[in-house]
């Protein structure tokens, strides 16, 4: 059995689908810091942080 990677990711919502913009991070604070970079680059995009298994 393979072990899946889980953690906090930065995602963008496109028409009802979630598109991961980053690799999984171990903490939410790390993912929030990465999200701030994407907010500056794409100010009108619907970008968020969420946990994936």
C-alpha atoms as a PDB file:
ATOM      1  CA  UNK A   1       0.000   0.000   0.000  1.00  0.00           C
ATOM      2  CA  UNK A   2       1.343   3.428  -0.911  1.00  0.00           C
ATOM      3  CA  UNK A   3       1.364   6.267   1.525  1.00  0.00           C
ATOM      4  CA  UNK A   4      -0.367   9.355   0.161  1.00  0.00           C
ATOM      5  CA  UNK A   5       0.924  12.815   0.916  1.00  0.00           C
ATOM      6  CA  UNK A   6      -1.349  14.905   3.046  1.00  0.00           C
ATOM      7  CA  UNK A   7      -1.001  18.425   4.270  1.00  0.00           C
ATOM      8  CA  UNK A   8      -1.989  22.020   3.697  1.00  0.00           C
ATOM      9  CA  UNK A   9      -2.089  23.235   0.087  1.00  0.00           C
ATOM     10  CA  UNK A  10      -2.802  26.481  -1.716  1.00  0.00           C
ATOM     11  CA  UNK A  11      -5.584  26.016  -4.262  1.00  0.00           C
ATOM     12  CA  UNK A  12      -7.568  27.968  -6.804  1.00  0.00           C
ATOM     13  CA  UNK A  13     -11.212  27.339  -7.553  1.00  0.00           C
ATOM     14  CA  UNK A  14     -11.938  27.167 -11.282  1.00  0.00           C
ATOM     15  CA  UNK A  15     -15.556  26.588 -12.189  1.00  0.00           C
ATOM     16  CA  UNK A  16     -16.252  24.191  -9.309  1.00  0.00           C
ATOM     17  CA  UNK A  17     -12.965  22.294  -9.462  1.00  0.00           C
ATOM     18  CA  UNK A  18     -10.070  22.803  -7.078  1.00  0.00           C
ATOM     19  CA  UNK A  19      -6.659  23.184  -8.714  1.00  0.00           C
ATOM     20  CA  UNK A  20      -3.637  22.771  -6.426  1.00  0.00           C
ATOM     21  CA  UNK A  21      -1.134  25.584  -6.876  1.00  0.00           C
ATOM     22  CA  UNK A  22       1.454  24.343  -4.383  1.00  0.00           C
ATOM     23  CA  UNK A  23       3.022  21.261  -2.900  1.00  0.00           C
ATOM     24  CA  UNK A  24       1.643  20.006   0.450  1.00  0.00           C
ATOM     25  CA  UNK A  25       2.965  21.910   3.498  1.00  0.00           C
ATOM     26  CA  UNK A  26       3.182  20.500   7.015  1.00  0.00           C
ATOM     27  CA  UNK A  27       1.635  23.525   8.730  1.00  0.00           C
ATOM     28  CA  UNK A  28      -1.152  25.919   7.885  1.00  0.00           C
ATOM     29  CA  UNK A  29       1.124  28.899   8.577  1.00  0.00           C
ATOM     30  CA  UNK A  30       3.511  27.788   5.815  1.00  0.00           C
ATOM     31  CA  UNK A  31       0.609  27.457   3.370  1.00  0.00           C
ATOM     32  CA  UNK A  32      -0.758  30.894   4.338  1.00  0.00           C
ATOM     33  CA  UNK A  33       2.652  32.446   3.689  1.00  0.00           C
ATOM     34  CA  UNK A  34       2.703  30.860   0.216  1.00  0.00           C
ATOM     35  CA  UNK A  35      -0.891  32.043  -0.432  1.00  0.00           C
ATOM     36  CA  UNK A  36       0.177  35.634   0.198  1.00  0.00           C
ATOM     37  CA  UNK A  37       2.654  35.322  -2.667  1.00  0.00           C
ATOM     38  CA  UNK A  38      -0.104  34.094  -5.003  1.00  0.00           C
ATOM     39  CA  UNK A  39      -2.461  36.888  -3.855  1.00  0.00           C
ATOM     40  CA  UNK A  40       0.073  39.482  -4.960  1.00  0.00           C
ATOM     41  CA  UNK A  41       0.623  37.743  -8.287  1.00  0.00           C
ATOM     42  CA  UNK A  42      -3.071  37.011  -9.060  1.00  0.00           C
ATOM     43  CA  UNK A  43      -5.199  39.541  -7.106  1.00  0.00           C
ATOM     44  CA  UNK A  44      -8.559  38.628  -8.711  1.00  0.00           C
ATOM     45  CA  UNK A  45      -8.237  34.838  -8.482  1.00  0.00           C
ATOM     46  CA  UNK A  46     -10.202  32.833  -5.897  1.00  0.00           C
ATOM     47  CA  UNK A  47      -7.228  31.430  -3.964  1.00  0.00           C
ATOM     48  CA  UNK A  48      -7.494  29.638  -0.640  1.00  0.00           C
ATOM     49  CA  UNK A  49      -5.778  27.258   1.757  1.00  0.00           C
ATOM     50  CA  UNK A  50      -7.107  23.822   2.591  1.00  0.00           C
ATOM     51  CA  UNK A  51      -6.133  20.443   4.003  1.00  0.00           C
ATOM     52  CA  UNK A  52      -5.927  17.396   1.729  1.00  0.00           C
ATOM     53  CA  UNK A  53      -5.388  13.752   2.543  1.00  0.00           C
END
